[in-house]
C-alpha cells in the first residue's frame, strides 16, 4: 500500500474511534455489589441501545469511508474497503464483548439509588427522546468532528512522519 493509501486510512480511523467512544459514553456508568444492581446496569445498557446505535451509525460510517476512499486508486480501493469492513466488524464484536465489563463499570461507579434515578430518566419521555434522537445528534455532530480532525490532520501527519523517520 502506498503512502497516500496509508495516510487516507490514518485519517478515517480516528473518526471511527470517536464514534465508538461517543456511543459508549452515551450510556452512563453504574456501581454493583448485588444481582439487582447488576440487572439494573444491564437494563441501562439495553435502554441506551448501544448496539442499536452502532447499527444505525454503520451506514453513516460506510458513507464517510466511501467519501474518504474516492481519491484512492481503484486497485487499492478494494483492499482499503475490505480493511474498513473488517474494522467495522471488529468494532461491533468488541462492543458486544464489552457489555459485561461495561455493566461492571456502571455498577462500580453508581449506587443502586443513582441507577434507579438514571433508569427513571431513560424511561421518561425526555430520556426516550434523548435516546431516539441521539443518532441524529451524532450525524449532525459528525461534520464538526470531521472538521476538527481535518484541522488536526497536518499535525497528525507530522507525528506519523516523525515516527516513520525514527
Protein backbone atom coordinates (compact mmCIF):
# COMPACT_ATOMS: atom_id res chain seq x y z
CA UNK A 1 0.00 0.00 0.00
CA UNK A 2 1.42 3.41 -0.88
CA UNK A 3 1.82 6.35 1.49
CA UNK A 4 -1.32 8.04 0.18
CA UNK A 5 -3.46 4.98 0.96
CA UNK A 6 -1.87 4.71 4.40
CA UNK A 7 -2.49 8.41 5.07
CA UNK A 8 -6.14 8.10 3.99
CA UNK A 9 -6.64 5.17 6.37
CA UNK A 10 -4.97 7.11 9.18
CA UNK A 11 -7.42 9.96 8.55
CA UNK A 12 -10.51 7.75 8.86
CA UNK A 13 -9.55 5.61 11.88
CA UNK A 14 -9.80 8.49 14.43
CA UNK A 15 -13.34 9.22 13.21
CA UNK A 16 -14.37 5.60 13.85
CA UNK A 17 -12.85 5.73 17.31
CA UNK A 18 -14.66 8.99 18.11
CA UNK A 19 -17.97 7.43 17.07
CA UNK A 20 -17.41 4.32 19.17
CA UNK A 21 -16.32 6.34 22.19
CA UNK A 22 -19.35 8.59 21.80
CA UNK A 23 -21.63 5.55 21.64
CA UNK A 24 -20.10 4.00 24.73
CA UNK A 25 -20.13 7.28 26.65
CA UNK A 26 -23.75 7.82 25.65
CA UNK A 27 -24.69 5.25 28.25
CA UNK A 28 -23.85 6.36 31.78
CA UNK A 29 -21.94 4.05 34.18
CA UNK A 30 -23.15 2.15 37.37
CA UNK A 31 -21.87 0.63 40.78
CA UNK A 32 -22.57 -3.06 41.62
CA UNK A 33 -22.46 -5.26 44.66
CA UNK A 34 -25.69 -7.23 44.19
CA UNK A 35 -27.52 -9.10 41.46
CA UNK A 36 -30.29 -6.48 41.37
CA UNK A 37 -27.76 -3.75 40.81
CA UNK A 38 -26.14 -5.74 38.01
CA UNK A 39 -29.54 -6.29 36.45
CA UNK A 40 -30.16 -2.55 36.59
CA UNK A 41 -26.83 -1.87 34.91
CA UNK A 42 -27.69 -4.35 32.16
CA UNK A 43 -31.10 -2.71 31.78
CA UNK A 44 -29.37 0.64 31.46
CA UNK A 45 -27.17 -0.69 28.66
CA UNK A 46 -30.28 -2.07 26.96
CA UNK A 47 -32.22 1.18 27.38
CA UNK A 48 -29.38 3.25 25.97
CA UNK A 49 -29.39 0.95 22.92
CA UNK A 50 -25.62 0.87 22.42
CA UNK A 51 -25.75 -1.92 19.86
CA UNK A 52 -28.74 -0.46 18.01
CA UNK A 53 -26.98 2.90 17.83
CA UNK A 54 -23.94 1.20 16.37
CA UNK A 55 -26.14 -0.41 13.72
CA UNK A 56 -27.74 2.96 12.95
CA UNK A 57 -24.34 4.61 12.68
CA UNK A 58 -22.93 1.94 10.37
CA UNK A 59 -24.40 3.39 7.13
CA UNK A 60 -23.08 6.82 8.05
CA UNK A 61 -19.62 5.41 8.76
CA UNK A 62 -19.68 3.50 5.47
CA UNK A 63 -20.62 6.70 3.67
CA UNK A 64 -17.73 8.53 5.31
CA UNK A 65 -15.38 5.72 4.35
CA UNK A 66 -16.61 5.78 0.75
CA UNK A 67 -16.02 9.54 0.65
CA UNK A 68 -12.53 9.10 2.08
CA UNK A 69 -11.78 6.34 -0.44
CA UNK A 70 -12.86 8.21 -3.55
CA UNK A 71 -9.35 9.50 -4.30
CA UNK A 72 -7.62 6.19 -3.70
CA UNK A 73 -6.57 4.35 -6.87
CA UNK A 74 -9.06 1.62 -7.83
CA UNK A 75 -6.57 -1.20 -7.26
CA UNK A 76 -6.07 -0.08 -3.65
CA UNK A 77 -9.71 0.88 -3.03
CA UNK A 78 -10.80 -2.76 -2.79
CA UNK A 79 -8.08 -3.56 -0.24
CA UNK A 80 -8.86 -0.45 1.82
CA UNK A 81 -12.61 -1.17 1.63
CA UNK A 82 -12.02 -4.73 2.79
CA UNK A 83 -9.92 -3.49 5.69
CA UNK A 84 -12.60 -0.95 6.64
CA UNK A 85 -15.32 -3.64 6.60
CA UNK A 86 -13.15 -5.78 8.88
CA UNK A 87 -12.66 -2.77 11.16
CA UNK A 88 -16.42 -2.17 11.42
CA UNK A 89 -16.99 -5.85 12.15
CA UNK A 90 -14.25 -5.88 14.78
CA UNK A 91 -15.72 -2.81 16.48
CA UNK A 92 -19.19 -4.38 16.59
CA UNK A 93 -17.85 -7.65 18.03
CA UNK A 94 -15.79 -5.80 20.63
CA UNK A 95 -18.72 -3.63 21.71
CA UNK A 96 -20.81 -6.76 22.25
CA UNK A 97 -17.99 -8.44 24.18
CA UNK A 98 -17.51 -5.30 26.27
CA UNK A 99 -21.11 -5.20 27.55
CA UNK A 100 -20.49 -7.30 30.71
CA UNK A 101 -17.38 -5.26 31.52
CA UNK A 102 -19.30 -2.07 30.81
CA UNK A 103 -22.08 -3.19 33.16
CA UNK A 104 -19.42 -3.83 35.82
CA UNK A 105 -18.03 -0.33 35.33
CA UNK A 106 -21.54 1.05 35.77
CA UNK A 107 -22.18 -0.95 38.92
CA UNK A 108 -18.79 0.04 40.34
CA UNK A 109 -19.48 3.72 39.70
CA UNK A 110 -23.10 4.30 40.71
CA UNK A 111 -25.09 3.44 43.79
CA UNK A 112 -28.29 1.49 43.37
CA UNK A 113 -30.26 4.66 44.10
CA UNK A 114 -28.40 6.50 41.34
CA UNK A 115 -29.07 3.65 38.94
CA UNK A 116 -32.77 3.83 39.82
CA UNK A 117 -32.80 7.57 39.07
CA UNK A 118 -30.88 7.13 35.80
CA UNK A 119 -33.23 4.34 34.71
CA UNK A 120 -36.22 6.50 35.60
CA UNK A 121 -34.81 9.25 33.39
CA UNK A 122 -34.18 6.95 30.43
CA UNK A 123 -37.73 5.57 30.76
CA UNK A 124 -39.20 9.09 30.86
CA UNK A 125 -40.35 10.93 27.71
CA UNK A 126 -37.23 13.14 27.85
CA UNK A 127 -34.93 10.14 28.26
CA UNK A 128 -36.63 8.26 25.43
CA UNK A 129 -36.31 11.36 23.26
CA UNK A 130 -32.62 11.63 24.08
CA UNK A 131 -32.03 8.03 23.01
CA UNK A 132 -34.25 8.29 19.94
CA UNK A 133 -32.61 11.49 18.68
CA UNK A 134 -29.02 10.54 19.52
CA UNK A 135 -28.28 9.15 16.03
CA UNK A 136 -29.41 12.47 14.52
CA UNK A 137 -27.33 14.41 17.04
CA UNK A 138 -24.32 12.25 16.20
CA UNK A 139 -24.91 12.60 12.47
CA UNK A 140 -25.19 16.37 12.76
CA UNK A 141 -22.13 16.44 15.04
CA UNK A 142 -20.06 14.38 12.62
CA UNK A 143 -19.22 17.29 10.27
CA UNK A 144 -17.99 19.24 13.30
CA UNK A 145 -15.82 16.31 14.38
CA UNK A 146 -14.59 15.72 10.84
CA UNK A 147 -13.60 19.38 10.55
CA UNK A 148 -11.77 19.10 13.85
CA UNK A 149 -9.92 16.01 12.58
CA UNK A 150 -9.21 17.75 9.29
CA UNK A 151 -7.76 20.71 11.17
CA UNK A 152 -5.60 18.31 13.19
CA UNK A 153 -4.53 16.31 10.13
CA UNK A 154 -1.32 18.28 9.41
CA UNK A 155 -0.18 17.79 13.00
CA UNK A 156 -1.11 14.11 12.92
CA UNK A 157 0.80 13.63 9.68
CA UNK A 158 3.87 15.34 11.18
CA UNK A 159 3.68 12.96 14.11
CA UNK A 160 3.35 9.95 11.77
CA UNK A 161 6.28 11.17 9.67
CA UNK A 162 8.30 11.67 12.85
CA UNK A 163 7.62 8.08 13.84
CA UNK A 164 8.47 6.80 10.35
CA UNK A 165 11.80 8.66 10.29
CA UNK A 166 12.99 7.25 13.63
